[in-house]
């Protein structure tokens, strides 16, 4: 399934914030499961309980997640029309925007939103549609999950760089075990006492002993 099919099929441009959040919640549960070569039934049952879905539905979501290459849009319920708070754009215009996002923005060329807007305008003119405002296009891009966009455009290695570094700070048992020092150029100009000409900017150095007696 292509990115274009995923976005168009699921009506992502019509999604309300609530439904988008629901798709993200599904991704948190489905992603680690989909990374397994085989999904045991006990894990599928547990996921079904968390998402309040059937076991069969879980396997279906796992399949769609894998086929999409890990796109959150693959977890959006099919047939959604957006409901209250959905897009006010016409179906044809929504289709033009979603297709442009899929085949232009979500590509290894990594075009800017401005470039994407030009592509959408060209396609709108060809189909006699009024182009959407740039802010409208930006709002659609913001709905995409950043790490997933990065994975599609630059690969999984680039997305891994976004993950926080795990670990903890060394334990401090005694005063001066660890001292944090900051050396900063002060935003102040010193002038000569007599001719009032600038001499330069002073530096300030601060040393903080992070030891705390009450932490022991």
N, C-alpha and C. Protein backbone atom coordinates (compact mmCIF):
# COMPACT_ATOMS: atom_id res chain seq x y z
N UNK A 1 0.85 -1.20 0.00
CA UNK A 1 0.00 0.00 0.00
C UNK A 1 0.88 1.24 0.00
N UNK A 2 0.67 2.16 -0.90
CA UNK A 2 1.48 3.36 -1.01
C UNK A 2 1.04 4.39 0.02
N UNK A 3 1.92 5.40 0.26
CA UNK A 3 1.57 6.48 1.19
C UNK A 3 0.35 7.22 0.68
N UNK A 4 0.24 7.34 -0.63
CA UNK A 4 -0.90 8.03 -1.22
C UNK A 4 -2.20 7.32 -0.91
N UNK A 5 -2.18 5.98 -1.04
CA UNK A 5 -3.39 5.20 -0.77
C UNK A 5 -3.78 5.30 0.69
N UNK A 6 -2.77 5.29 1.56
CA UNK A 6 -3.06 5.37 3.00
C UNK A 6 -3.75 6.67 3.35
N UNK A 7 -3.19 7.79 2.90
CA UNK A 7 -3.72 9.10 3.25
C UNK A 7 -5.09 9.32 2.64
N UNK A 8 -5.25 8.99 1.35
CA UNK A 8 -6.52 9.22 0.68
C UNK A 8 -7.60 8.29 1.21
N UNK A 9 -7.22 7.03 1.36
CA UNK A 9 -8.18 6.02 1.78
C UNK A 9 -8.78 6.32 3.15
N UNK A 10 -7.95 6.78 4.06
CA UNK A 10 -8.39 6.99 5.44
C UNK A 10 -8.92 8.38 5.71
N UNK A 11 -8.93 9.25 4.71
CA UNK A 11 -9.48 10.58 4.91
C UNK A 11 -8.77 11.38 5.97
N UNK A 12 -7.43 11.33 5.97
CA UNK A 12 -6.66 11.99 7.01
C UNK A 12 -6.92 13.48 7.08
N UNK A 13 -7.24 14.09 5.94
CA UNK A 13 -7.43 15.53 5.92
C UNK A 13 -8.73 15.95 6.60
N UNK A 14 -9.60 14.99 6.86
CA UNK A 14 -10.87 15.31 7.52
C UNK A 14 -10.84 15.00 9.02
N UNK A 15 -9.76 14.46 9.49
CA UNK A 15 -9.72 14.00 10.87
C UNK A 15 -9.81 15.13 11.88
N UNK A 16 -10.57 14.88 12.93
CA UNK A 16 -10.60 15.81 14.05
C UNK A 16 -9.40 15.50 14.93
N UNK A 17 -9.09 16.40 15.86
CA UNK A 17 -7.95 16.19 16.76
C UNK A 17 -8.14 14.93 17.59
N UNK A 18 -9.38 14.65 17.99
CA UNK A 18 -9.66 13.48 18.81
C UNK A 18 -9.34 12.19 18.06
N UNK A 19 -9.72 12.13 16.79
CA UNK A 19 -9.46 10.93 16.01
C UNK A 19 -7.98 10.79 15.68
N UNK A 20 -7.31 11.93 15.51
CA UNK A 20 -5.87 11.88 15.26
C UNK A 20 -5.14 11.36 16.50
N UNK A 21 -5.57 11.80 17.68
CA UNK A 21 -4.97 11.32 18.93
C UNK A 21 -5.23 9.83 19.11
N UNK A 22 -6.39 9.38 18.66
CA UNK A 22 -6.72 7.96 18.75
C UNK A 22 -5.78 7.13 17.89
N UNK A 23 -5.47 7.64 16.70
CA UNK A 23 -4.54 6.94 15.80
C UNK A 23 -3.15 6.87 16.42
N UNK A 24 -2.74 7.94 17.08
CA UNK A 24 -1.43 7.95 17.73
C UNK A 24 -1.38 6.95 18.87
N UNK A 25 -2.47 6.86 19.62
CA UNK A 25 -2.53 5.90 20.72
C UNK A 25 -2.43 4.48 20.18
N UNK A 26 -3.08 4.23 19.06
CA UNK A 26 -2.98 2.90 18.45
C UNK A 26 -1.54 2.60 18.04
N UNK A 27 -0.85 3.64 17.53
CA UNK A 27 0.53 3.44 17.09
C UNK A 27 1.43 3.03 18.25
N UNK A 28 1.18 3.59 19.44
CA UNK A 28 1.99 3.27 20.61
C UNK A 28 1.88 1.79 20.96
N UNK A 29 0.72 1.19 20.69
CA UNK A 29 0.49 -0.22 21.00
C UNK A 29 0.91 -1.12 19.85
N UNK A 30 0.60 -0.71 18.62
CA UNK A 30 0.83 -1.56 17.46
C UNK A 30 2.29 -1.61 17.03
N UNK A 31 3.01 -0.49 17.14
CA UNK A 31 4.39 -0.44 16.63
C UNK A 31 5.30 -1.51 17.23
N UNK A 32 5.38 -1.65 18.57
CA UNK A 32 6.27 -2.69 19.11
C UNK A 32 5.83 -4.10 18.75
N UNK A 33 4.53 -4.28 18.54
CA UNK A 33 4.04 -5.61 18.15
C UNK A 33 4.46 -5.92 16.72
N UNK A 34 4.34 -4.93 15.86
CA UNK A 34 4.65 -5.13 14.44
C UNK A 34 6.13 -5.40 14.20
N UNK A 35 6.98 -5.03 15.14
CA UNK A 35 8.42 -5.27 15.00
C UNK A 35 8.78 -6.74 15.20
N UNK A 36 7.85 -7.52 15.76
CA UNK A 36 8.08 -8.94 15.96
C UNK A 36 7.92 -9.71 14.64
N UNK A 37 8.70 -10.76 14.47
CA UNK A 37 8.54 -11.59 13.29
C UNK A 37 7.21 -12.34 13.34
N UNK A 38 6.86 -12.80 14.54
CA UNK A 38 5.60 -13.50 14.75
C UNK A 38 4.89 -12.87 15.94
N UNK A 39 3.60 -12.64 15.80
CA UNK A 39 2.82 -12.03 16.88
C UNK A 39 2.04 -13.12 17.61
N UNK A 40 2.47 -13.50 18.83
CA UNK A 40 1.77 -14.54 19.60
C UNK A 40 0.34 -14.10 19.93
N UNK A 41 -0.53 -15.04 20.05
CA UNK A 41 -1.94 -14.73 20.31
C UNK A 41 -2.10 -14.00 21.63
N UNK A 42 -1.30 -14.37 22.65
CA UNK A 42 -1.44 -13.74 23.95
C UNK A 42 -1.14 -12.23 23.86
N UNK A 43 -0.18 -11.85 23.02
CA UNK A 43 0.14 -10.43 22.85
C UNK A 43 -0.95 -9.72 22.08
N UNK A 44 -1.52 -10.40 21.09
CA UNK A 44 -2.61 -9.80 20.32
C UNK A 44 -3.83 -9.58 21.20
N UNK A 45 -4.09 -10.53 22.10
CA UNK A 45 -5.23 -10.40 23.01
C UNK A 45 -5.01 -9.23 23.97
N UNK A 46 -3.79 -9.08 24.46
CA UNK A 46 -3.46 -7.98 25.37
C UNK A 46 -3.63 -6.63 24.66
N UNK A 47 -3.18 -6.56 23.41
CA UNK A 47 -3.33 -5.32 22.63
C UNK A 47 -4.80 -5.02 22.37
N UNK A 48 -5.57 -6.07 22.10
CA UNK A 48 -7.00 -5.90 21.85
C UNK A 48 -7.69 -5.32 23.07
N UNK A 49 -7.25 -5.76 24.25
CA UNK A 49 -7.84 -5.25 25.50
C UNK A 49 -7.48 -3.78 25.69
N UNK A 50 -6.22 -3.40 25.38
CA UNK A 50 -5.79 -2.03 25.56
C UNK A 50 -6.52 -1.07 24.62
N UNK A 51 -6.77 -1.53 23.40
CA UNK A 51 -7.39 -0.66 22.40
C UNK A 51 -8.89 -0.87 22.26
N UNK A 52 -9.41 -1.81 23.04
CA UNK A 52 -10.85 -2.11 22.99
C UNK A 52 -11.26 -2.52 21.57
N UNK A 53 -10.46 -3.42 20.99
CA UNK A 53 -10.74 -3.93 19.65
C UNK A 53 -10.72 -5.45 19.68
N UNK A 54 -11.15 -6.05 18.59
CA UNK A 54 -11.12 -7.49 18.51
C UNK A 54 -9.71 -7.97 18.19
N UNK A 55 -9.45 -9.24 18.50
CA UNK A 55 -8.14 -9.81 18.21
C UNK A 55 -7.86 -9.77 16.70
N UNK A 56 -8.87 -10.06 15.91
CA UNK A 56 -8.73 -10.03 14.46
C UNK A 56 -8.36 -8.63 13.97
N UNK A 57 -8.95 -7.62 14.61
CA UNK A 57 -8.68 -6.23 14.23
C UNK A 57 -7.22 -5.87 14.52
N UNK A 58 -6.66 -6.40 15.60
CA UNK A 58 -5.27 -6.14 15.95
C UNK A 58 -4.34 -6.67 14.87
N UNK A 59 -4.58 -7.89 14.42
CA UNK A 59 -3.75 -8.46 13.36
C UNK A 59 -3.88 -7.65 12.07
N UNK A 60 -5.06 -7.14 11.84
CA UNK A 60 -5.29 -6.32 10.64
C UNK A 60 -4.49 -5.02 10.72
N UNK A 61 -4.48 -4.40 11.90
CA UNK A 61 -3.73 -3.16 12.09
C UNK A 61 -2.22 -3.40 11.98
N UNK A 62 -1.77 -4.52 12.50
CA UNK A 62 -0.36 -4.88 12.40
C UNK A 62 0.04 -5.03 10.93
N UNK A 63 -0.81 -5.69 10.16
CA UNK A 63 -0.53 -5.87 8.73
C UNK A 63 -0.46 -4.54 8.01
N UNK A 64 -1.41 -3.65 8.29
CA UNK A 64 -1.44 -2.34 7.64
C UNK A 64 -0.23 -1.49 8.05
N UNK A 65 0.16 -1.60 9.31
CA UNK A 65 1.33 -0.85 9.79
C UNK A 65 2.60 -1.30 9.04
N UNK A 66 2.75 -2.60 8.87
CA UNK A 66 3.93 -3.12 8.17
C UNK A 66 3.92 -2.72 6.70
N UNK A 67 2.79 -2.84 6.06
CA UNK A 67 2.68 -2.52 4.64
C UNK A 67 2.95 -1.04 4.37
N UNK A 68 2.61 -0.19 5.34
CA UNK A 68 2.78 1.26 5.16
C UNK A 68 4.19 1.72 5.49
N UNK A 69 5.00 0.81 6.04
CA UNK A 69 6.35 1.19 6.44
C UNK A 69 6.36 1.94 7.76
N UNK A 70 5.32 1.76 8.55
CA UNK A 70 5.25 2.42 9.86
C UNK A 70 4.61 3.79 9.82
N UNK A 71 3.61 3.98 8.96
CA UNK A 71 2.92 5.26 8.87
C UNK A 71 1.71 5.28 9.81
N UNK A 72 1.63 6.31 10.63
CA UNK A 72 0.53 6.39 11.59
C UNK A 72 -0.82 6.46 10.89
N UNK A 73 -0.81 6.98 9.65
CA UNK A 73 -2.06 7.09 8.90
C UNK A 73 -2.67 5.73 8.59
N UNK A 74 -1.87 4.68 8.63
CA UNK A 74 -2.39 3.34 8.34
C UNK A 74 -3.29 2.83 9.45
N UNK A 75 -3.26 3.48 10.62
CA UNK A 75 -4.05 3.03 11.76
C UNK A 75 -5.34 3.82 11.94
N UNK A 76 -5.60 4.73 11.01
CA UNK A 76 -6.83 5.52 11.08
C UNK A 76 -7.97 4.68 10.55
N UNK A 77 -9.08 4.69 11.25
CA UNK A 77 -10.23 3.89 10.84
C UNK A 77 -10.71 4.29 9.47
N UNK A 78 -10.94 3.31 8.62
CA UNK A 78 -11.41 3.59 7.28
C UNK A 78 -12.86 4.04 7.31
N UNK A 79 -13.18 4.90 6.35
CA UNK A 79 -14.56 5.37 6.23
C UNK A 79 -14.87 6.56 7.10
N UNK A 80 -13.85 7.10 7.82
CA UNK A 80 -14.10 8.27 8.66
C UNK A 80 -14.34 9.50 7.81
N UNK A 81 -15.34 10.30 8.16
CA UNK A 81 -15.62 11.52 7.42
C UNK A 81 -15.27 12.77 8.20
N UNK A 82 -14.61 12.56 9.33
CA UNK A 82 -14.14 13.71 10.10
C UNK A 82 -15.09 14.15 11.17
N UNK A 83 -16.40 14.05 10.93
CA UNK A 83 -17.36 14.45 11.94
C UNK A 83 -17.26 15.92 12.28
N UNK A 84 -17.69 16.24 13.50
CA UNK A 84 -17.63 17.62 13.96
C UNK A 84 -16.18 18.07 14.05
N UNK A 85 -15.90 19.24 13.54
CA UNK A 85 -14.54 19.75 13.58
C UNK A 85 -13.71 19.29 12.41
N UNK A 86 -14.32 18.59 11.44
CA UNK A 86 -13.59 18.11 10.28
C UNK A 86 -13.33 19.23 9.30
N UNK A 87 -12.65 18.87 8.21
CA UNK A 87 -12.28 19.86 7.23
C UNK A 87 -13.50 20.38 6.47
N UNK A 88 -13.48 21.66 6.09
CA UNK A 88 -14.54 22.27 5.32
C UNK A 88 -14.21 22.30 3.84
N UNK A 89 -13.07 21.75 3.45
CA UNK A 89 -12.68 21.72 2.06
C UNK A 89 -13.51 20.70 1.30
N UNK A 90 -13.63 20.91 0.01
CA UNK A 90 -14.38 19.96 -0.81
C UNK A 90 -13.61 18.66 -0.91
N UNK A 91 -14.32 17.60 -1.24
CA UNK A 91 -13.69 16.29 -1.36
C UNK A 91 -12.59 16.29 -2.41
N UNK A 92 -12.84 16.96 -3.54
CA UNK A 92 -11.84 17.00 -4.61
C UNK A 92 -10.58 17.73 -4.17
N UNK A 93 -10.76 18.85 -3.47
CA UNK A 93 -9.60 19.61 -3.02
C UNK A 93 -8.82 18.84 -1.97
N UNK A 94 -9.52 18.16 -1.08
CA UNK A 94 -8.86 17.34 -0.07
C UNK A 94 -8.04 16.25 -0.73
N UNK A 95 -8.58 15.69 -1.80
CA UNK A 95 -7.88 14.64 -2.52
C UNK A 95 -6.59 15.17 -3.14
N UNK A 96 -6.67 16.37 -3.71
CA UNK A 96 -5.48 16.97 -4.32
C UNK A 96 -4.40 17.20 -3.27
N UNK A 97 -4.79 17.73 -2.11
CA UNK A 97 -3.83 18.01 -1.04
C UNK A 97 -3.21 16.72 -0.51
N UNK A 98 -4.05 15.74 -0.23
CA UNK A 98 -3.54 14.48 0.33
C UNK A 98 -2.61 13.76 -0.64
N UNK A 99 -2.94 13.79 -1.92
CA UNK A 99 -2.09 13.14 -2.92
C UNK A 99 -0.74 13.86 -3.04
N UNK A 100 -0.77 15.19 -2.97
CA UNK A 100 0.47 15.96 -3.06
C UNK A 100 1.36 15.71 -1.84
N UNK A 101 0.74 15.61 -0.67
CA UNK A 101 1.52 15.31 0.53
C UNK A 101 2.17 13.95 0.42
N UNK A 102 1.40 12.98 -0.10
CA UNK A 102 1.90 11.61 -0.20
C UNK A 102 3.02 11.46 -1.21
N UNK A 103 2.84 11.99 -2.42
CA UNK A 103 3.84 11.75 -3.46
C UNK A 103 4.90 12.84 -3.59
N UNK A 104 4.70 13.98 -2.91
CA UNK A 104 5.68 15.06 -3.00
C UNK A 104 6.37 15.33 -1.66
N UNK A 105 5.58 15.64 -0.63
CA UNK A 105 6.17 15.98 0.66
C UNK A 105 6.81 14.78 1.33
N UNK A 106 6.13 13.63 1.30
CA UNK A 106 6.66 12.42 1.91
C UNK A 106 7.56 11.70 0.91
N UNK A 107 8.63 12.33 0.53
CA UNK A 107 9.59 11.75 -0.41
C UNK A 107 11.00 12.06 0.04
N UNK A 108 11.94 11.33 -0.52
CA UNK A 108 13.35 11.51 -0.13
C UNK A 108 13.90 12.86 -0.56
N UNK A 109 13.21 13.57 -1.49
CA UNK A 109 13.65 14.90 -1.90
C UNK A 109 13.46 15.94 -0.81
N UNK A 110 12.60 15.66 0.14
CA UNK A 110 12.33 16.52 1.30
C UNK A 110 12.02 17.98 0.92
N UNK A 111 11.00 18.19 0.11
CA UNK A 111 10.65 19.56 -0.28
C UNK A 111 10.07 20.35 0.89
N UNK A 112 10.16 21.66 0.82
CA UNK A 112 9.60 22.51 1.85
C UNK A 112 8.09 22.61 1.70
N UNK A 113 7.43 23.16 2.71
CA UNK A 113 5.98 23.34 2.63
C UNK A 113 5.64 24.32 1.51
N UNK A 114 6.50 25.30 1.29
CA UNK A 114 6.28 26.27 0.22
C UNK A 114 6.31 25.58 -1.14
N UNK A 115 7.26 24.68 -1.32
CA UNK A 115 7.35 23.92 -2.57
C UNK A 115 6.12 23.04 -2.74
N UNK A 116 5.68 22.44 -1.65
CA UNK A 116 4.48 21.61 -1.69
C UNK A 116 3.29 22.45 -2.10
N UNK A 117 3.20 23.68 -1.57
CA UNK A 117 2.10 24.58 -1.89
C UNK A 117 2.06 24.88 -3.39
N UNK A 118 3.22 25.07 -4.00
CA UNK A 118 3.28 25.35 -5.44
C UNK A 118 2.76 24.16 -6.24
N UNK A 119 3.13 22.97 -5.81
CA UNK A 119 2.66 21.75 -6.50
C UNK A 119 1.14 21.66 -6.41
N UNK A 120 0.61 21.93 -5.21
CA UNK A 120 -0.84 21.86 -5.02
C UNK A 120 -1.56 22.91 -5.87
N UNK A 121 -1.00 24.11 -5.94
CA UNK A 121 -1.61 25.16 -6.76
C UNK A 121 -1.66 24.76 -8.22
N UNK A 122 -0.58 24.19 -8.73
CA UNK A 122 -0.53 23.76 -10.12
C UNK A 122 -1.60 22.71 -10.41
N UNK A 123 -1.76 21.78 -9.49
CA UNK A 123 -2.75 20.72 -9.67
C UNK A 123 -4.17 21.27 -9.56
N UNK A 124 -4.34 22.25 -8.70
CA UNK A 124 -5.67 22.86 -8.55
C UNK A 124 -6.05 23.62 -9.83
N UNK A 125 -5.11 24.33 -10.39
CA UNK A 125 -5.40 25.08 -11.63
C UNK A 125 -5.78 24.14 -12.77
N UNK A 126 -5.13 22.99 -12.81
CA UNK A 126 -5.42 22.03 -13.87
C UNK A 126 -6.80 21.41 -13.73
N UNK A 127 -7.31 21.39 -12.52
CA UNK A 127 -8.63 20.78 -12.27
C UNK A 127 -9.69 21.83 -11.94
N UNK A 128 -9.36 23.11 -12.20
CA UNK A 128 -10.32 24.21 -11.98
C UNK A 128 -10.78 24.30 -10.53
N UNK A 129 -9.86 24.10 -9.61
CA UNK A 129 -10.16 24.23 -8.18
C UNK A 129 -9.45 25.44 -7.60
N UNK A 130 -10.05 26.05 -6.61
CA UNK A 130 -9.43 27.17 -5.93
C UNK A 130 -8.37 26.63 -4.97
N UNK A 131 -7.10 27.03 -5.10
CA UNK A 131 -6.03 26.51 -4.24
C UNK A 131 -6.26 26.87 -2.78
N UNK A 132 -5.87 26.01 -1.87
CA UNK A 132 -6.01 26.29 -0.43
C UNK A 132 -4.95 27.29 0.02
N UNK A 133 -5.20 27.94 1.14
CA UNK A 133 -4.23 28.88 1.70
C UNK A 133 -3.02 28.11 2.23
N UNK A 134 -1.89 28.79 2.29
CA UNK A 134 -0.66 28.16 2.76
C UNK A 134 -0.82 27.66 4.19
N UNK A 135 -1.54 28.42 5.02
CA UNK A 135 -1.76 28.00 6.41
C UNK A 135 -2.56 26.71 6.49
N UNK A 136 -3.46 26.52 5.53
CA UNK A 136 -4.24 25.29 5.50
C UNK A 136 -3.34 24.10 5.24
N UNK A 137 -2.39 24.26 4.33
CA UNK A 137 -1.45 23.19 4.02
C UNK A 137 -0.55 22.92 5.21
N UNK A 138 -0.11 23.99 5.86
CA UNK A 138 0.75 23.83 7.04
C UNK A 138 0.03 23.06 8.14
N UNK A 139 -1.25 23.34 8.32
CA UNK A 139 -2.02 22.65 9.36
C UNK A 139 -2.11 21.16 9.08
N UNK A 140 -2.18 20.79 7.79
CA UNK A 140 -2.23 19.37 7.42
C UNK A 140 -0.89 18.70 7.72
N UNK A 141 0.20 19.42 7.45
CA UNK A 141 1.52 18.87 7.72
C UNK A 141 1.73 18.67 9.21
N UNK A 142 1.23 19.61 10.03
CA UNK A 142 1.40 19.50 11.47
C UNK A 142 0.69 18.28 12.04
N UNK A 143 -0.31 17.80 11.34
CA UNK A 143 -1.03 16.62 11.83
C UNK A 143 -0.22 15.34 11.65
N UNK A 144 0.79 15.38 10.80
CA UNK A 144 1.63 14.21 10.59
C UNK A 144 2.61 14.08 11.76
N UNK A 145 2.84 12.87 12.19
CA UNK A 145 3.74 12.63 13.30
C UNK A 145 5.18 12.78 12.80
N UNK A 146 5.94 13.67 13.45
CA UNK A 146 7.25 14.06 12.93
C UNK A 146 8.21 12.89 12.75
N UNK A 147 8.29 12.00 13.75
CA UNK A 147 9.25 10.91 13.63
C UNK A 147 8.90 9.97 12.50
N UNK A 148 7.60 9.83 12.20
CA UNK A 148 7.19 8.97 11.10
C UNK A 148 7.53 9.63 9.76
N UNK A 149 7.33 10.94 9.68
CA UNK A 149 7.69 11.67 8.46
C UNK A 149 9.19 11.55 8.22
N UNK A 150 9.97 11.67 9.29
CA UNK A 150 11.43 11.57 9.17
C UNK A 150 11.84 10.19 8.71
N UNK A 151 11.15 9.16 9.19
CA UNK A 151 11.46 7.80 8.78
C UNK A 151 11.21 7.61 7.30
N UNK A 152 10.09 8.13 6.81
CA UNK A 152 9.74 7.98 5.40
C UNK A 152 10.71 8.75 4.51
N UNK A 153 11.09 9.96 4.95
CA UNK A 153 11.91 10.83 4.11
C UNK A 153 13.41 10.52 4.19
N UNK A 154 13.88 10.07 5.36
CA UNK A 154 15.32 9.89 5.55
C UNK A 154 15.71 8.49 6.02
N UNK A 155 14.74 7.66 6.35
CA UNK A 155 15.07 6.32 6.79
C UNK A 155 15.00 6.16 8.30
N UNK A 156 14.99 4.93 8.76
CA UNK A 156 14.84 4.64 10.18
C UNK A 156 16.04 5.13 11.00
N UNK A 157 17.23 5.14 10.39
CA UNK A 157 18.42 5.58 11.13
C UNK A 157 18.30 7.03 11.58
N UNK A 158 17.71 7.87 10.73
CA UNK A 158 17.55 9.29 11.07
C UNK A 158 16.56 9.45 12.21
N UNK A 159 15.49 8.65 12.21
CA UNK A 159 14.48 8.76 13.25
C UNK A 159 15.02 8.33 14.61
N UNK A 160 15.96 7.38 14.61
CA UNK A 160 16.52 6.90 15.87
C UNK A 160 17.28 8.00 16.60
N UNK A 161 17.80 8.97 15.86
CA UNK A 161 18.56 10.06 16.47
C UNK A 161 17.68 10.95 17.36
N UNK A 162 16.35 10.86 17.17
CA UNK A 162 15.44 11.68 17.95
C UNK A 162 15.22 11.12 19.35
N UNK A 163 15.57 9.87 19.53
CA UNK A 163 15.32 9.24 20.81
C UNK A 163 16.27 9.80 21.88
N UNK A 164 15.75 9.97 23.07
CA UNK A 164 16.56 10.51 24.16
C UNK A 164 17.63 9.52 24.60
N UNK A 165 18.73 10.04 25.11
CA UNK A 165 19.82 9.19 25.59
C UNK A 165 19.46 8.66 26.97
N UNK A 166 19.51 7.35 27.11
CA UNK A 166 19.16 6.74 28.37
C UNK A 166 20.36 6.73 29.31
N UNK A 167 20.08 6.73 30.59
CA UNK A 167 21.15 6.71 31.58
C UNK A 167 20.83 7.62 32.75
N UNK A 168 21.78 7.79 33.65
CA UNK A 168 21.58 8.65 34.80
C UNK A 168 22.88 9.35 35.17
N UNK A 169 22.75 10.45 35.92
CA UNK A 169 23.92 11.20 36.33
C UNK A 169 24.69 10.44 37.41
N UNK A 170 26.01 10.61 37.46
CA UNK A 170 26.80 9.94 38.51
C UNK A 170 26.32 10.37 39.90
N UNK A 171 26.39 9.45 40.84
CA UNK A 171 25.99 9.76 42.21
C UNK A 171 27.02 10.67 42.88
N UNK A 172 26.52 11.62 43.65
CA UNK A 172 27.38 12.56 44.37
C UNK A 172 27.27 12.25 45.86
N UNK A 173 28.40 11.86 46.45
CA UNK A 173 28.39 11.49 47.86
C UNK A 173 29.04 12.54 48.75
N UNK A 174 29.93 13.35 48.18
CA UNK A 174 30.66 14.32 48.98
C UNK A 174 30.71 15.67 48.28
N UNK A 175 30.90 16.73 49.07
CA UNK A 175 31.04 18.06 48.47
C UNK A 175 32.20 18.09 47.48
N UNK A 176 32.00 18.81 46.39
CA UNK A 176 32.99 19.01 45.33
C UNK A 176 33.28 17.75 44.51
N UNK A 177 32.44 16.72 44.69
CA UNK A 177 32.59 15.54 43.82
C UNK A 177 32.34 15.94 42.36
N UNK A 178 31.30 16.73 42.17
CA UNK A 178 30.98 17.22 40.83
C UNK A 178 30.65 18.70 40.93
N UNK A 179 31.33 19.49 40.13
CA UNK A 179 31.09 20.92 40.09
C UNK A 179 30.76 21.33 38.65
N UNK A 180 29.65 21.97 38.48
CA UNK A 180 29.25 22.44 37.16
C UNK A 180 29.70 23.89 36.99
N UNK A 181 30.37 24.18 35.87
CA UNK A 181 30.93 25.51 35.64
C UNK A 181 30.38 26.11 34.35
N UNK A 182 30.00 27.36 34.45
CA UNK A 182 29.50 28.10 33.28
C UNK A 182 30.36 29.35 33.09
N UNK A 183 30.88 29.53 31.89
CA UNK A 183 31.76 30.67 31.58
C UNK A 183 31.08 31.46 30.47
N UNK A 184 30.54 32.63 30.81
CA UNK A 184 29.71 33.39 29.88
C UNK A 184 30.19 34.83 29.71
N UNK A 185 30.16 35.29 28.46
CA UNK A 185 30.50 36.68 28.17
C UNK A 185 29.31 37.57 28.54
N UNK A 186 29.53 38.53 29.42
CA UNK A 186 28.45 39.38 29.93
C UNK A 186 28.01 40.38 28.86
N UNK A 187 26.72 40.60 28.80
CA UNK A 187 26.17 41.57 27.84
C UNK A 187 26.31 42.98 28.41
N UNK A 188 27.55 43.40 28.57
CA UNK A 188 27.85 44.69 29.18
C UNK A 188 29.20 45.18 28.64
N UNK A 189 29.30 46.45 28.30
CA UNK A 189 30.54 47.02 27.77
C UNK A 189 31.16 47.94 28.82
N UNK A 190 32.43 47.69 29.15
CA UNK A 190 33.15 48.52 30.11
C UNK A 190 33.91 49.61 29.35
N UNK A 191 33.85 50.84 29.87
CA UNK A 191 34.52 51.96 29.22
C UNK A 191 35.64 52.50 30.11
N UNK A 192 36.61 53.14 29.47
CA UNK A 192 37.74 53.74 30.18
C UNK A 192 37.24 54.86 31.11
N UNK A 193 37.86 55.00 32.28
CA UNK A 193 37.44 55.98 33.28
C UNK A 193 37.60 57.43 32.80
N UNK A 194 38.63 57.67 32.00
CA UNK A 194 38.95 59.05 31.60
C UNK A 194 38.35 59.45 30.25
N UNK A 195 38.63 58.66 29.20
CA UNK A 195 38.14 59.06 27.87
C UNK A 195 36.82 58.40 27.48
N UNK A 196 36.29 57.53 28.32
CA UNK A 196 34.99 56.88 28.11
C UNK A 196 34.94 56.02 26.86
N UNK A 197 36.09 55.55 26.41
CA UNK A 197 36.12 54.66 25.25
C UNK A 197 35.94 53.21 25.69
N UNK A 198 35.29 52.42 24.88
CA UNK A 198 35.05 51.02 25.24
C UNK A 198 36.34 50.24 25.43
N UNK A 199 36.40 49.48 26.50
CA UNK A 199 37.55 48.61 26.77
C UNK A 199 37.25 47.18 26.33
N UNK A 200 36.02 46.78 26.56
CA UNK A 200 35.63 45.41 26.20
C UNK A 200 34.52 44.91 27.08
N UNK A 201 34.16 43.64 26.89
CA UNK A 201 33.10 43.02 27.68
C UNK A 201 33.70 42.04 28.67
N UNK A 202 33.25 42.06 29.92
CA UNK A 202 33.80 41.16 30.93
C UNK A 202 33.20 39.75 30.82
N UNK A 203 33.89 38.78 31.39
CA UNK A 203 33.39 37.41 31.48
C UNK A 203 32.97 37.13 32.91
N UNK A 204 31.97 36.29 33.06
CA UNK A 204 31.57 35.86 34.40
C UNK A 204 31.63 34.34 34.44
N UNK A 205 32.27 33.82 35.46
CA UNK A 205 32.39 32.37 35.63
C UNK A 205 31.69 31.96 36.91
N UNK A 206 30.78 31.02 36.79
CA UNK A 206 30.00 30.55 37.94
C UNK A 206 30.27 29.06 38.13
N UNK A 207 30.60 28.66 39.34
CA UNK A 207 30.83 27.25 39.67
C UNK A 207 29.78 26.83 40.70
N UNK A 208 29.10 25.74 40.40
CA UNK A 208 28.03 25.26 41.29
C UNK A 208 28.36 23.83 41.73
N UNK A 209 28.47 23.65 43.03
CA UNK A 209 28.67 22.31 43.60
C UNK A 209 27.30 21.65 43.72
N UNK A 210 27.09 20.56 43.00
CA UNK A 210 25.76 19.96 42.97
C UNK A 210 25.51 19.04 44.17
N UNK A 211 26.47 18.93 45.06
CA UNK A 211 26.30 18.10 46.26
C UNK A 211 25.20 18.68 47.13
N UNK A 212 24.33 17.80 47.63
CA UNK A 212 23.29 18.24 48.56
C UNK A 212 23.29 17.28 49.75
N UNK A 213 23.47 17.80 50.90
CA UNK A 213 23.53 16.97 52.09
C UNK A 213 22.23 16.22 52.34
N UNK A 214 21.10 16.84 51.98
CA UNK A 214 19.80 16.23 52.26
C UNK A 214 19.50 15.10 51.28
N UNK A 215 20.36 14.92 50.25
CA UNK A 215 20.11 13.85 49.29
C UNK A 215 20.65 12.52 49.79
N UNK A 216 21.47 12.55 50.84
CA UNK A 216 22.08 11.32 51.37
C UNK A 216 21.16 10.66 52.38
